[in-house]
PDB file of N, CA and C in Angstrom:
ATOM      1  N   MET A   1      31.366 -27.568   9.873  1.00  0.00           N
ATOM      2  CA  MET A   1      30.549 -26.521   9.218  1.00  0.00           C
ATOM      3  C   MET A   1      29.767 -25.555  10.272  1.00  0.00           C
ATOM      4  N   ILE A   2      29.793 -24.255  10.072  1.00  0.00           N
ATOM      5  CA  ILE A   2      28.914 -23.257  10.799  1.00  0.00           C
ATOM      6  C   ILE A   2      27.958 -22.510   9.912  1.00  0.00           C
ATOM      7  N   LEU A   3      26.904 -22.527  10.416  1.00  0.00           N
ATOM      8  CA  LEU A   3      25.974 -21.853   9.824  1.00  0.00           C
ATOM      9  C   LEU A   3      25.804 -20.293  10.384  1.00  0.00           C
ATOM     10  N   VAL A   4      25.909 -19.235   9.764  1.00  0.00           N
ATOM     11  CA  VAL A   4      25.951 -17.918  10.668  1.00  0.00           C
ATOM     12  C   VAL A   4      24.651 -17.112  10.647  1.00  0.00           C
ATOM     13  N   ASP A   5      24.470 -16.679  11.659  1.00  0.00           N
ATOM     14  CA  ASP A   5      23.173 -15.781  11.764  1.00  0.00           C
ATOM     15  C   ASP A   5      23.326 -14.456  10.924  1.00  0.00           C
ATOM     16  N   THR A   6      22.127 -13.984  10.298  1.00  0.00           N
ATOM     17  CA  THR A   6      22.238 -12.862   9.601  1.00  0.00           C
ATOM     18  C   THR A   6      22.726 -11.632  10.440  1.00  0.00           C
ATOM     19  N   SER A   7      22.377 -11.377  11.765  1.00  0.00           N
ATOM     20  CA  SER A   7      22.933 -10.319  12.354  1.00  0.00           C
ATOM     21  C   SER A   7      24.607 -10.171  12.287  1.00  0.00           C
ATOM     22  N   VAL A   8      25.242 -11.525  12.347  1.00  0.00           N
ATOM     23  CA  VAL A   8      26.695 -11.455  12.500  1.00  0.00           C
ATOM     24  C   VAL A   8      27.121 -11.059  10.963  1.00  0.00           C
ATOM     25  N   TRP A   9      26.505 -11.719   9.815  1.00  0.00           N
ATOM     26  CA  TRP A   9      26.810 -11.269   8.533  1.00  0.00           C
ATOM     27  C   TRP A   9      26.898  -9.810   8.501  1.00  0.00           C
ATOM     28  N   ILE A  10      25.749  -9.185   8.920  1.00  0.00           N
ATOM     29  CA  ILE A  10      25.594  -7.675   8.707  1.00  0.00           C
ATOM     30  C   ILE A  10      26.785  -7.038   9.346  1.00  0.00           C
ATOM     31  N   ASP A  11      27.218  -7.449  10.693  1.00  0.00           N
ATOM     32  CA  ASP A  11      28.290  -6.831  11.212  1.00  0.00           C
ATOM     33  C   ASP A  11      29.521  -7.267  10.423  1.00  0.00           C
ATOM     34  N   TYR A  12      29.598  -8.127   9.871  1.00  0.00           N
ATOM     35  CA  TYR A  12      30.800  -8.678   9.087  1.00  0.00           C
ATOM     36  C   TYR A  12      30.802  -7.711   7.898  1.00  0.00           C
ATOM     37  N   PHE A  13      29.642  -7.614   7.009  1.00  0.00           N
ATOM     38  CA  PHE A  13      29.850  -6.944   5.796  1.00  0.00           C
ATOM     39  C   PHE A  13      29.965  -5.156   6.263  1.00  0.00           C
ATOM     40  N   ASN A  14      29.489  -4.844   7.462  1.00  0.00           N
ATOM     41  CA  ASN A  14      29.688  -3.374   7.781  1.00  0.00           C
ATOM     42  C   ASN A  14      31.125  -3.307   8.590  1.00  0.00           C
ATOM     43  N   GLY A  15      32.092  -4.335   8.428  1.00  0.00           N
ATOM     44  CA  GLY A  15      33.154  -3.949   8.854  1.00  0.00           C
ATOM     45  C   GLY A  15      33.373  -4.064  10.573  1.00  0.00           C
ATOM     46  N   ALA A  16      32.437  -4.497  11.175  1.00  0.00           N
ATOM     47  CA  ALA A  16      32.470  -4.462  12.689  1.00  0.00           C
ATOM     48  C   ALA A  16      33.406  -5.800  13.213  1.00  0.00           C
ATOM     49  N   THR A  17      34.222  -5.303  14.023  1.00  0.00           N
ATOM     50  CA  THR A  17      35.299  -6.338  14.675  1.00  0.00           C
ATOM     51  C   THR A  17      34.741  -6.727  16.042  1.00  0.00           C
ATOM     52  N   ASN A  18      34.282  -8.203  16.293  1.00  0.00           N
ATOM     53  CA  ASN A  18      33.996  -8.613  17.432  1.00  0.00           C
ATOM     54  C   ASN A  18      34.197 -10.116  17.589  1.00  0.00           C
ATOM     55  N   PRO A  19      34.076 -10.929  18.411  1.00  0.00           N
ATOM     56  CA  PRO A  19      34.558 -12.538  18.489  1.00  0.00           C
ATOM     57  C   PRO A  19      33.786 -13.108  17.429  1.00  0.00           C
ATOM     58  N   HIS A  20      32.435 -12.782  17.019  1.00  0.00           N
ATOM     59  CA  HIS A  20      31.622 -13.483  16.106  1.00  0.00           C
ATOM     60  C   HIS A  20      32.066 -13.210  14.709  1.00  0.00           C
ATOM     61  N   THR A  21      32.316 -12.062  14.461  1.00  0.00           N
ATOM     62  CA  THR A  21      32.960 -11.700  13.298  1.00  0.00           C
ATOM     63  C   THR A  21      34.491 -12.126  12.927  1.00  0.00           C
ATOM     64  N   ASP A  22      35.158 -12.206  13.900  1.00  0.00           N
ATOM     65  CA  ASP A  22      36.295 -12.911  13.931  1.00  0.00           C
ATOM     66  C   ASP A  22      36.289 -14.288  13.470  1.00  0.00           C
ATOM     67  N   LEU A  23      35.533 -15.033  14.277  1.00  0.00           N
ATOM     68  CA  LEU A  23      35.304 -16.379  13.873  1.00  0.00           C
ATOM     69  C   LEU A  23      34.718 -16.769  12.442  1.00  0.00           C
ATOM     70  N   LEU A  24      33.905 -15.925  12.085  1.00  0.00           N
ATOM     71  CA  LEU A  24      33.357 -15.903  10.693  1.00  0.00           C
ATOM     72  C   LEU A  24      34.378 -15.871   9.681  1.00  0.00           C
ATOM     73  N   ASP A  25      35.392 -14.820   9.811  1.00  0.00           N
ATOM     74  CA  ASP A  25      36.447 -14.534   8.861  1.00  0.00           C
ATOM     75  C   ASP A  25      37.473 -15.700   9.033  1.00  0.00           C
ATOM     76  N   ALA A  26      37.710 -16.301  10.074  1.00  0.00           N
ATOM     77  CA  ALA A  26      38.241 -17.556  10.291  1.00  0.00           C
ATOM     78  C   ALA A  26      38.086 -18.510   9.496  1.00  0.00           C
ATOM     79  N   SER A  27      36.662 -18.658   9.685  1.00  0.00           N
ATOM     80  CA  SER A  27      35.799 -19.948   9.092  1.00  0.00           C
ATOM     81  C   SER A  27      35.801 -19.781   7.638  1.00  0.00           C
ATOM     82  N   ILE A  28      35.614 -18.730   7.202  1.00  0.00           N
ATOM     83  CA  ILE A  28      35.572 -18.468   5.520  1.00  0.00           C
ATOM     84  C   ILE A  28      36.893 -18.723   4.998  1.00  0.00           C
ATOM     85  N   VAL A  29      38.099 -18.518   5.629  1.00  0.00           N
ATOM     86  CA  VAL A  29      39.173 -18.747   5.089  1.00  0.00           C
ATOM     87  C   VAL A  29      39.315 -20.331   5.236  1.00  0.00           C
ATOM     88  N   GLN A  30      38.802 -21.066   6.200  1.00  0.00           N
ATOM     89  CA  GLN A  30      38.950 -22.470   6.273  1.00  0.00           C
ATOM     90  C   GLN A  30      38.123 -23.202   5.483  1.00  0.00           C
ATOM     91  N   GLY A  31      37.130 -22.605   4.777  1.00  0.00           N
ATOM     92  CA  GLY A  31      36.105 -22.904   4.029  1.00  0.00           C
ATOM     93  C   GLY A  31      34.976 -23.882   4.916  1.00  0.00           C
ATOM     94  N   SER A  32      34.889 -23.380   5.888  1.00  0.00           N
ATOM     95  CA  SER A  32      33.808 -24.226   6.854  1.00  0.00           C
ATOM     96  C   SER A  32      32.527 -23.356   7.041  1.00  0.00           C
ATOM     97  N   VAL A  33      32.052 -22.498   6.345  1.00  0.00           N
ATOM     98  CA  VAL A  33      30.943 -21.621   6.471  1.00  0.00           C
ATOM     99  C   VAL A  33      29.806 -22.061   5.461  1.00  0.00           C
ATOM    100  N   ALA A  34      28.691 -22.254   5.712  1.00  0.00           N
ATOM    101  CA  ALA A  34      27.428 -22.558   4.898  1.00  0.00           C
ATOM    102  C   ALA A  34      26.484 -21.279   5.228  1.00  0.00           C
ATOM    103  N   ILE A  35      25.480 -21.404   4.031  1.00  0.00           N
ATOM    104  CA  ILE A  35      24.755 -20.241   4.315  1.00  0.00           C
ATOM    105  C   ILE A  35      23.436 -20.741   4.112  1.00  0.00           C
ATOM    106  N   GLY A  36      22.483 -20.352   4.883  1.00  0.00           N
ATOM    107  CA  GLY A  36      21.057 -20.934   4.791  1.00  0.00           C
ATOM    108  C   GLY A  36      20.197 -20.145   3.921  1.00  0.00           C
ATOM    109  N   ASP A  37      19.299 -20.681   3.180  1.00  0.00           N
ATOM    110  CA  ASP A  37      18.489 -19.875   2.122  1.00  0.00           C
ATOM    111  C   ASP A  37      17.706 -18.757   2.686  1.00  0.00           C
ATOM    112  N   LEU A  38      17.357 -18.776   4.069  1.00  0.00           N
ATOM    113  CA  LEU A  38      16.408 -17.545   4.603  1.00  0.00           C
ATOM    114  C   LEU A  38      17.461 -16.668   4.826  1.00  0.00           C
ATOM    115  N   ILE A  39      18.642 -17.037   5.570  1.00  0.00           N
ATOM    116  CA  ILE A  39      19.503 -16.082   5.882  1.00  0.00           C
ATOM    117  C   ILE A  39      20.286 -15.286   4.655  1.00  0.00           C
ATOM    118  N   PHE A  40      20.323 -15.915   3.686  1.00  0.00           N
ATOM    119  CA  PHE A  40      20.779 -15.426   2.113  1.00  0.00           C
ATOM    120  C   PHE A  40      19.731 -14.435   1.966  1.00  0.00           C
ATOM    121  N   LEU A  41      18.226 -14.777   2.014  1.00  0.00           N
ATOM    122  CA  LEU A  41      17.292 -13.937   1.599  1.00  0.00           C
ATOM    123  C   LEU A  41      17.281 -12.711   2.636  1.00  0.00           C
ATOM    124  N   GLU A  42      17.547 -12.770   3.901  1.00  0.00           N
ATOM    125  CA  GLU A  42      17.692 -11.667   4.701  1.00  0.00           C
ATOM    126  C   GLU A  42      18.495 -10.706   4.320  1.00  0.00           C
ATOM    127  N   ILE A  43      19.750 -11.394   4.327  1.00  0.00           N
ATOM    128  CA  ILE A  43      20.983 -10.242   3.946  1.00  0.00           C
ATOM    129  C   ILE A  43      20.654  -9.624   2.561  1.00  0.00           C
ATOM    130  N   MET A  44      20.288 -10.398   1.362  1.00  0.00           N
ATOM    131  CA  MET A  44      20.133  -9.665   0.187  1.00  0.00           C
ATOM    132  C   MET A  44      19.054  -8.479   0.178  1.00  0.00           C
ATOM    133  N   GLN A  45      17.900  -8.873   1.003  1.00  0.00           N
ATOM    134  CA  GLN A  45      16.778  -7.837   1.138  1.00  0.00           C
ATOM    135  C   GLN A  45      17.286  -6.496   1.633  1.00  0.00           C
ATOM    136  N   GLY A  46      18.414  -6.569   2.371  1.00  0.00           N
ATOM    137  CA  GLY A  46      18.843  -5.314   3.056  1.00  0.00           C
ATOM    138  C   GLY A  46      19.746  -4.455   2.313  1.00  0.00           C
ATOM    139  N   ILE A  47      20.164  -5.065   1.183  1.00  0.00           N
ATOM    140  CA  ILE A  47      21.170  -4.227   0.275  1.00  0.00           C
ATOM    141  C   ILE A  47      20.661  -3.337  -0.757  1.00  0.00           C
ATOM    142  N   ARG A  48      20.982  -2.086  -0.628  1.00  0.00           N
ATOM    143  CA  ARG A  48      20.365  -1.170  -1.657  1.00  0.00           C
ATOM    144  C   ARG A  48      21.215  -0.881  -2.742  1.00  0.00           C
ATOM    145  N   ASN A  49      22.442  -0.897  -2.453  1.00  0.00           N
ATOM    146  CA  ASN A  49      23.443  -0.433  -3.666  1.00  0.00           C
ATOM    147  C   ASN A  49      23.475  -1.534  -4.655  1.00  0.00           C
ATOM    148  N   ASP A  50      23.252  -1.461  -5.944  1.00  0.00           N
ATOM    149  CA  ASP A  50      23.221  -2.608  -6.873  1.00  0.00           C
ATOM    150  C   ASP A  50      24.622  -3.116  -6.942  1.00  0.00           C
ATOM    151  N   LYS A  51      25.746  -2.284  -6.938  1.00  0.00           N
ATOM    152  CA  LYS A  51      27.057  -3.009  -6.894  1.00  0.00           C
ATOM    153  C   LYS A  51      27.292  -3.943  -5.878  1.00  0.00           C
ATOM    154  N   GLN A  52      27.180  -3.259  -4.484  1.00  0.00           N
ATOM    155  CA  GLN A  52      27.435  -4.070  -3.454  1.00  0.00           C
ATOM    156  C   GLN A  52      26.483  -5.520  -3.533  1.00  0.00           C
ATOM    157  N   TYR A  53      25.268  -5.272  -4.128  1.00  0.00           N
ATOM    158  CA  TYR A  53      24.232  -6.529  -4.188  1.00  0.00           C
ATOM    159  C   TYR A  53      24.859  -7.710  -5.113  1.00  0.00           C
ATOM    160  N   ARG A  54      25.347  -7.139  -6.243  1.00  0.00           N
ATOM    161  CA  ARG A  54      25.999  -8.202  -7.254  1.00  0.00           C
ATOM    162  C   ARG A  54      27.038  -8.946  -6.478  1.00  0.00           C
ATOM    163  N   GLN A  55      28.054  -8.026  -5.743  1.00  0.00           N
ATOM    164  CA  GLN A  55      29.205  -8.473  -5.041  1.00  0.00           C
ATOM    165  C   GLN A  55      28.862  -9.386  -4.088  1.00  0.00           C
ATOM    166  N   THR A  56      27.921  -9.216  -3.065  1.00  0.00           N
ATOM    167  CA  THR A  56      27.495  -9.678  -2.015  1.00  0.00           C
ATOM    168  C   THR A  56      26.936 -11.073  -2.256  1.00  0.00           C
ATOM    169  N   LYS A  57      26.190 -11.085  -3.429  1.00  0.00           N
ATOM    170  CA  LYS A  57      25.347 -12.419  -4.082  1.00  0.00           C
ATOM    171  C   LYS A  57      26.505 -13.300  -4.481  1.00  0.00           C
ATOM    172  N   GLN A  58      27.469 -12.947  -5.360  1.00  0.00           N
ATOM    173  CA  GLN A  58      28.498 -13.769  -5.813  1.00  0.00           C
ATOM    174  C   GLN A  58      29.149 -14.170  -4.674  1.00  0.00           C
ATOM    175  N   SER A  59      29.464 -13.454  -3.522  1.00  0.00           N
ATOM    176  CA  SER A  59      30.218 -14.348  -2.446  1.00  0.00           C
ATOM    177  C   SER A  59      29.571 -15.146  -1.769  1.00  0.00           C
ATOM    178  N   LEU A  60      28.280 -14.973  -1.487  1.00  0.00           N
ATOM    179  CA  LEU A  60      27.364 -15.761  -0.711  1.00  0.00           C
ATOM    180  C   LEU A  60      27.121 -17.031  -1.340  1.00  0.00           C
ATOM    181  N   LEU A  61      26.776 -16.712  -2.789  1.00  0.00           N
ATOM    182  CA  LEU A  61      26.368 -18.030  -3.426  1.00  0.00           C
ATOM    183  C   LEU A  61      27.826 -19.071  -3.502  1.00  0.00           C
ATOM    184  N   ALA A  62      28.868 -18.629  -3.399  1.00  0.00           N
ATOM    185  CA  ALA A  62      30.062 -19.469  -3.529  1.00  0.00           C
ATOM    186  C   ALA A  62      30.131 -20.434  -2.273  1.00  0.00           C
ATOM    187  N   LEU A  63      29.400 -19.991  -1.076  1.00  0.00           N
ATOM    188  CA  LEU A  63      29.384 -20.847  -0.030  1.00  0.00           C
ATOM    189  C   LEU A  63      28.472 -22.059  -0.247  1.00  0.00           C
ATOM    190  N   ASP A  64      28.642 -23.165   0.757  1.00  0.00           N
ATOM    191  CA  ASP A  64      27.859 -24.206   0.630  1.00  0.00           C
ATOM    192  C   ASP A  64      26.511 -23.738   1.179  1.00  0.00           C
ATOM    193  N   GLN A  65      25.441 -24.118   0.346  1.00  0.00           N
ATOM    194  CA  GLN A  65      24.105 -23.876   0.835  1.00  0.00           C
ATOM    195  C   GLN A  65      23.435 -24.887   1.640  1.00  0.00           C
ATOM    196  N   TYR A  66      22.462 -24.498   2.542  1.00  0.00           N
ATOM    197  CA  TYR A  66      21.731 -25.074   3.485  1.00  0.00           C
ATOM    198  C   TYR A  66      20.348 -24.937   3.314  1.00  0.00           C
ATOM    199  N   GLU A  67      19.452 -25.750   2.771  1.00  0.00           N
ATOM    200  CA  GLU A  67      17.927 -25.612   2.971  1.00  0.00           C
ATOM    201  C   GLU A  67      17.383 -25.473   4.290  1.00  0.00           C
ATOM    202  N   MET A  68      16.899 -24.454   4.595  1.00  0.00           N
ATOM    203  CA  MET A  68      16.439 -24.307   6.031  1.00  0.00           C
ATOM    204  C   MET A  68      14.951 -24.746   6.057  1.00  0.00           C
ATOM    205  N   PHE A  69      14.457 -24.579   5.054  1.00  0.00           N
ATOM    206  CA  PHE A  69      12.730 -24.989   5.056  1.00  0.00           C
ATOM    207  C   PHE A  69      12.446 -26.135   4.305  1.00  0.00           C
ATOM    208  N   GLY A  70      13.052 -27.311   4.479  1.00  0.00           N
ATOM    209  CA  GLY A  70      12.611 -28.649   3.668  1.00  0.00           C
ATOM    210  C   GLY A  70      11.473 -29.139   4.326  1.00  0.00           C
ATOM    211  N   LYS A  71      11.347 -30.455   4.020  1.00  0.00           N
ATOM    212  CA  LYS A  71      10.267 -31.293   4.339  1.00  0.00           C
ATOM    213  C   LYS A  71      10.024 -31.209   5.874  1.00  0.00           C
ATOM    214  N   ASN A  72       8.764 -31.253   6.232  1.00  0.00           N
ATOM    215  CA  ASN A  72       8.409 -31.264   7.788  1.00  0.00           C
ATOM    216  C   ASN A  72       8.877 -30.031   8.623  1.00  0.00           C
ATOM    217  N   MET A  73       9.536 -29.231   8.067  1.00  0.00           N
ATOM    218  CA  MET A  73      10.116 -28.148   8.786  1.00  0.00           C
ATOM    219  C   MET A  73       8.895 -27.007   9.398  1.00  0.00           C
ATOM    220  N   ALA A  74       7.897 -26.829   8.278  1.00  0.00           N
ATOM    221  CA  ALA A  74       6.812 -26.129   8.835  1.00  0.00           C
ATOM    222  C   ALA A  74       6.091 -26.541  10.024  1.00  0.00           C
ATOM    223  N   ALA A  75       5.819 -27.746  10.081  1.00  0.00           N
ATOM    224  CA  ALA A  75       5.047 -28.270  11.313  1.00  0.00           C
ATOM    225  C   ALA A  75       6.236 -28.234  12.733  1.00  0.00           C
ATOM    226  N   LYS A  76       7.409 -28.587  12.406  1.00  0.00           N
ATOM    227  CA  LYS A  76       8.255 -28.390  13.688  1.00  0.00           C
ATOM    228  C   LYS A  76       8.426 -26.882  14.029  1.00  0.00           C
ATOM    229  N   CYS A  77       8.453 -26.020  13.129  1.00  0.00           N
ATOM    230  CA  CYS A  77       8.390 -24.509  13.329  1.00  0.00           C
ATOM    231  C   CYS A  77       7.283 -24.164  14.106  1.00  0.00           C
ATOM    232  N   ALA A  78       6.048 -24.727  13.704  1.00  0.00           N
ATOM    233  CA  ALA A  78       4.663 -24.459  14.178  1.00  0.00           C
ATOM    234  C   ALA A  78       4.844 -25.004  15.774  1.00  0.00           C
ATOM    235  N   ASP A  79       5.029 -26.084  15.801  1.00  0.00           N
ATOM    236  CA  ASP A  79       5.229 -26.952  17.328  1.00  0.00           C
ATOM    237  C   ASP A  79       6.106 -26.016  18.159  1.00  0.00           C
ATOM    238  N   ASN A  80       7.196 -25.760  17.742  1.00  0.00           N
ATOM    239  CA  ASN A  80       8.180 -24.896  18.592  1.00  0.00           C
ATOM    240  C   ASN A  80       7.678 -23.477  18.799  1.00  0.00           C
ATOM    241  N   TYR A  81       7.093 -22.804  17.954  1.00  0.00           N
ATOM    242  CA  TYR A  81       6.444 -21.470  18.239  1.00  0.00           C
ATOM    243  C   TYR A  81       5.392 -21.497  19.187  1.00  0.00           C
ATOM    244  N   ARG A  82       4.526 -22.562  19.057  1.00  0.00           N
ATOM    245  CA  ARG A  82       3.383 -22.717  19.872  1.00  0.00           C
ATOM    246  C   ARG A  82       3.859 -23.015  21.381  1.00  0.00           C
ATOM    247  N   ALA A  83       4.757 -23.839  21.364  1.00  0.00           N
ATOM    248  CA  ALA A  83       5.405 -24.361  22.672  1.00  0.00           C
ATOM    249  C   ALA A  83       6.003 -23.117  23.536  1.00  0.00           C
ATOM    250  N   LEU A  84       6.548 -22.251  22.577  1.00  0.00           N
ATOM    251  CA  LEU A  84       7.197 -21.075  23.265  1.00  0.00           C
ATOM    252  C   LEU A  84       6.090 -19.998  23.770  1.00  0.00           C
ATOM    253  N   ARG A  85       5.108 -20.007  22.769  1.00  0.00           N
ATOM    254  CA  ARG A  85       4.021 -18.951  23.073  1.00  0.00           C
ATOM    255  C   ARG A  85       3.355 -19.479  24.379  1.00  0.00           C
ATOM    256  N   LYS A  86       3.078 -20.644  24.559  1.00  0.00           N
ATOM    257  CA  LYS A  86       2.576 -21.098  25.751  1.00  0.00           C
ATOM    258  C   LYS A  86       3.412 -20.761  26.950  1.00  0.00           C
ATOM    259  N   ARG A  87       4.759 -20.584  26.866  1.00  0.00           N
ATOM    260  CA  ARG A  87       5.612 -20.344  27.982  1.00  0.00           C
ATOM    261  C   ARG A  87       5.651 -18.695  28.119  1.00  0.00           C
ATOM    262  N   GLY A  88       4.737 -17.889  27.347  1.00  0.00           N
ATOM    263  CA  GLY A  88       4.818 -16.386  27.436  1.00  0.00           C
ATOM    264  C   GLY A  88       5.990 -15.755  26.595  1.00  0.00           C
ATOM    265  N   ILE A  89       6.580 -16.610  25.829  1.00  0.00           N
ATOM    266  CA  ILE A  89       7.681 -16.301  24.791  1.00  0.00           C
ATOM    267  C   ILE A  89       7.272 -16.051  23.494  1.00  0.00           C
ATOM    268  N   THR A  90       7.065 -14.935  22.839  1.00  0.00           N
ATOM    269  CA  THR A  90       6.656 -14.578  21.626  1.00  0.00           C
ATOM    270  C   THR A  90       7.782 -14.185  20.548  1.00  0.00           C
ATOM    271  N   ILE A  91       8.179 -14.991  19.656  1.00  0.00           N
ATOM    272  CA  ILE A  91       9.229 -14.683  18.476  1.00  0.00           C
ATOM    273  C   ILE A  91       8.506 -14.084  17.352  1.00  0.00           C
ATOM    274  N   ARG A  92       8.875 -12.756  17.320  1.00  0.00           N
ATOM    275  CA  ARG A  92       8.132 -12.054  16.217  1.00  0.00           C
ATOM    276  C   ARG A  92       8.357 -12.440  14.694  1.00  0.00           C
ATOM    277  N   LYS A  93       9.500 -12.863  14.304  1.00  0.00           N
ATOM    278  CA  LYS A  93       9.846 -12.928  13.003  1.00  0.00           C
ATOM    279  C   LYS A  93       9.823 -14.552  12.912  1.00  0.00           C
ATOM    280  N   THR A  94       9.308 -14.796  11.649  1.00  0.00           N
ATOM    281  CA  THR A  94       9.240 -16.260  11.134  1.00  0.00           C
ATOM    282  C   THR A  94      10.549 -16.736  11.111  1.00  0.00           C
ATOM    283  N   ALA A  95      11.339 -16.085  10.318  1.00  0.00           N
ATOM    284  CA  ALA A  95      12.800 -16.669  10.070  1.00  0.00           C
ATOM    285  C   ALA A  95      13.576 -16.911  11.267  1.00  0.00           C
ATOM    286  N   ASP A  96      13.395 -16.353  12.479  1.00  0.00           N
ATOM    287  CA  ASP A  96      13.877 -16.642  13.596  1.00  0.00           C
ATOM    288  C   ASP A  96      13.385 -17.855  14.130  1.00  0.00           C
ATOM    289  N   VAL A  97      12.217 -18.271  14.081  1.00  0.00           N
ATOM    290  CA  VAL A  97      11.721 -19.431  14.690  1.00  0.00           C
ATOM    291  C   VAL A  97      12.302 -20.611  13.605  1.00  0.00           C
ATOM    292  N   ILE A  98      12.408 -20.403  12.336  1.00  0.00           N
ATOM    293  CA  ILE A  98      13.049 -21.499  11.399  1.00  0.00           C
ATOM    294  C   ILE A  98      14.422 -21.680  11.957  1.00  0.00           C
ATOM    295  N   ILE A  99      15.135 -20.668  12.005  1.00  0.00           N
ATOM    296  CA  ILE A  99      16.689 -20.862  12.429  1.00  0.00           C
ATOM    297  C   ILE A  99      16.725 -21.496  13.719  1.00  0.00           C
ATOM    298  N   ALA A 100      16.077 -21.100  14.607  1.00  0.00           N
ATOM    299  CA  ALA A 100      16.023 -21.876  16.065  1.00  0.00           C
ATOM    300  C   ALA A 100      15.555 -23.063  15.915  1.00  0.00           C
ATOM    301  N   THR A 101      14.849 -23.651  14.813  1.00  0.00           N
ATOM    302  CA  THR A 101      14.287 -24.962  14.826  1.00  0.00           C
ATOM    303  C   THR A 101      15.223 -25.937  14.232  1.00  0.00           C
ATOM    304  N   LEU A 102      16.465 -25.321  13.479  1.00  0.00           N
ATOM    305  CA  LEU A 102      17.146 -26.040  12.676  1.00  0.00           C
ATOM    306  C   LEU A 102      17.968 -27.231  13.610  1.00  0.00           C
ATOM    307  N   PRO A 103      18.494 -28.470  12.877  1.00  0.00           N
ATOM    308  CA  PRO A 103      19.201 -29.495  13.549  1.00  0.00           C
ATOM    309  C   PRO A 103      20.341 -28.906  14.135  1.00  0.00           C
ATOM    310  N   PRO A 104      21.036 -29.242  15.271  1.00  0.00           N
ATOM    311  CA  PRO A 104      22.028 -28.871  15.823  1.00  0.00           C
ATOM    312  C   PRO A 104      23.523 -28.629  14.840  1.00  0.00           C
ATOM    313  N   LEU A 105      23.724 -27.448  14.357  1.00  0.00           N
ATOM    314  CA  LEU A 105      25.037 -27.251  13.626  1.00  0.00           C
ATOM    315  C   LEU A 105      25.240 -26.159  14.899  1.00  0.00           C
ATOM    316  N   LEU A 106      26.626 -25.580  14.677  1.00  0.00           N
ATOM    317  CA  LEU A 106      27.082 -24.573  15.279  1.00  0.00           C
ATOM    318  C   LEU A 106      26.450 -23.194  14.636  1.00  0.00           C
ATOM    319  N   ILE A 107      25.615 -22.565  15.427  1.00  0.00           N
ATOM    320  CA  ILE A 107      24.979 -21.400  14.734  1.00  0.00           C
ATOM    321  C   ILE A 107      25.611 -20.232  15.684  1.00  0.00           C
ATOM    322  N   ILE A 108      26.245 -19.253  15.014  1.00  0.00           N
ATOM    323  CA  ILE A 108      26.637 -18.045  15.605  1.00  0.00           C
ATOM    324  C   ILE A 108      25.538 -17.098  15.773  1.00  0.00           C
ATOM    325  N   LEU A 109      25.238 -16.832  17.024  1.00  0.00           N
ATOM    326  CA  LEU A 109      24.054 -15.778  17.172  1.00  0.00           C
ATOM    327  C   LEU A 109      24.596 -14.478  17.572  1.00  0.00           C
ATOM    328  N   GLY A 110      23.721 -13.400  17.392  1.00  0.00           N
ATOM    329  CA  GLY A 110      24.111 -12.160  17.753  1.00  0.00           C
ATOM    330  C   GLY A 110      23.675 -12.006  19.244  1.00  0.00           C
ATOM    331  N   LEU A 111      23.915 -11.010  19.814  1.00  0.00           N
ATOM    332  CA  LEU A 111      23.710 -10.949  21.361  1.00  0.00           C
ATOM    333  C   LEU A 111      22.208 -10.914  21.632  1.00  0.00           C
ATOM    334  N   SER A 112      21.499 -10.097  20.831  1.00  0.00           N
ATOM    335  CA  SER A 112      19.984 -10.127  21.159  1.00  0.00           C
ATOM    336  C   SER A 112      19.122 -11.031  20.448  1.00  0.00           C
ATOM    337  N   GLN A 113      19.539 -12.009  20.043  1.00  0.00           N
ATOM    338  CA  GLN A 113      18.661 -12.955  18.969  1.00  0.00           C
ATOM    339  C   GLN A 113      17.621 -13.625  19.911  1.00  0.00           C
ATOM    340  N   PRO A 114      16.359 -13.528  19.444  1.00  0.00           N
ATOM    341  CA  PRO A 114      15.230 -14.374  20.200  1.00  0.00           C
ATOM    342  C   PRO A 114      15.555 -15.940  20.292  1.00  0.00           C
ATOM    343  N   SER A 115      16.301 -16.355  19.558  1.00  0.00           N
ATOM    344  CA  SER A 115      16.629 -17.877  19.346  1.00  0.00           C
ATOM    345  C   SER A 115      17.345 -18.330  20.747  1.00  0.00           C
ATOM    346  N   GLU A 116      18.107 -17.184  21.435  1.00  0.00           N
ATOM    347  CA  GLU A 116      18.786 -17.617  22.413  1.00  0.00           C
ATOM    348  C   GLU A 116      17.771 -18.199  23.467  1.00  0.00           C
ATOM    349  N   LYS A 117      16.459 -17.210  23.663  1.00  0.00           N
ATOM    350  CA  LYS A 117      15.460 -17.748  24.740  1.00  0.00           C
ATOM    351  C   LYS A 117      15.160 -19.110  24.298  1.00  0.00           C
ATOM    352  N   HIS A 118      14.941 -19.413  22.838  1.00  0.00           N
ATOM    353  CA  HIS A 118      14.399 -20.577  22.298  1.00  0.00           C
ATOM    354  C   HIS A 118      15.233 -21.804  22.674  1.00  0.00           C
ATOM    355  N   ASN A 119      16.527 -21.500  22.573  1.00  0.00           N
ATOM    356  CA  ASN A 119      17.317 -22.697  23.056  1.00  0.00           C
ATOM    357  C   ASN A 119      17.314 -23.290  24.491  1.00  0.00           C
ATOM    358  N   ARG A 120      16.700 -22.502  25.316  1.00  0.00           N
ATOM    359  CA  ARG A 120      16.637 -22.684  26.871  1.00  0.00           C
ATOM    360  C   ARG A 120      15.325 -23.748  26.985  1.00  0.00           C
ATOM    361  N   TYR A 121      14.648 -23.775  25.834  1.00  0.00           N
ATOM    362  CA  TYR A 121      13.374 -24.619  26.075  1.00  0.00           C
ATOM    363  C   TYR A 121      13.497 -25.848  24.978  1.00  0.00           C
TER     364      TYR A 121
END
């Protein structure tokens, strides 16, 4: 099962072709894609067109759902954020801290995602 980062979904929905969107497309066909609640929220917030919103919502809700902010996650996220900040790394978006704190699943990241830095520590 893979959990796909918001940036890859955006590329995918915009018709971009790259290794990440190709893997996403193949994984959808195989039925091995899950979506996190926060990633779902980020994607849906960015859609302005009502028809696109309804279609995208229907497609994404058909995927396996992953609760990203369950029990004890807030404390883990705060610990990770503080540890990174002490090293001089500030992650600006709370959702990125949460995504980077997830248990190890295969997460497809965009090229400039802050969580790449997080993974080094």
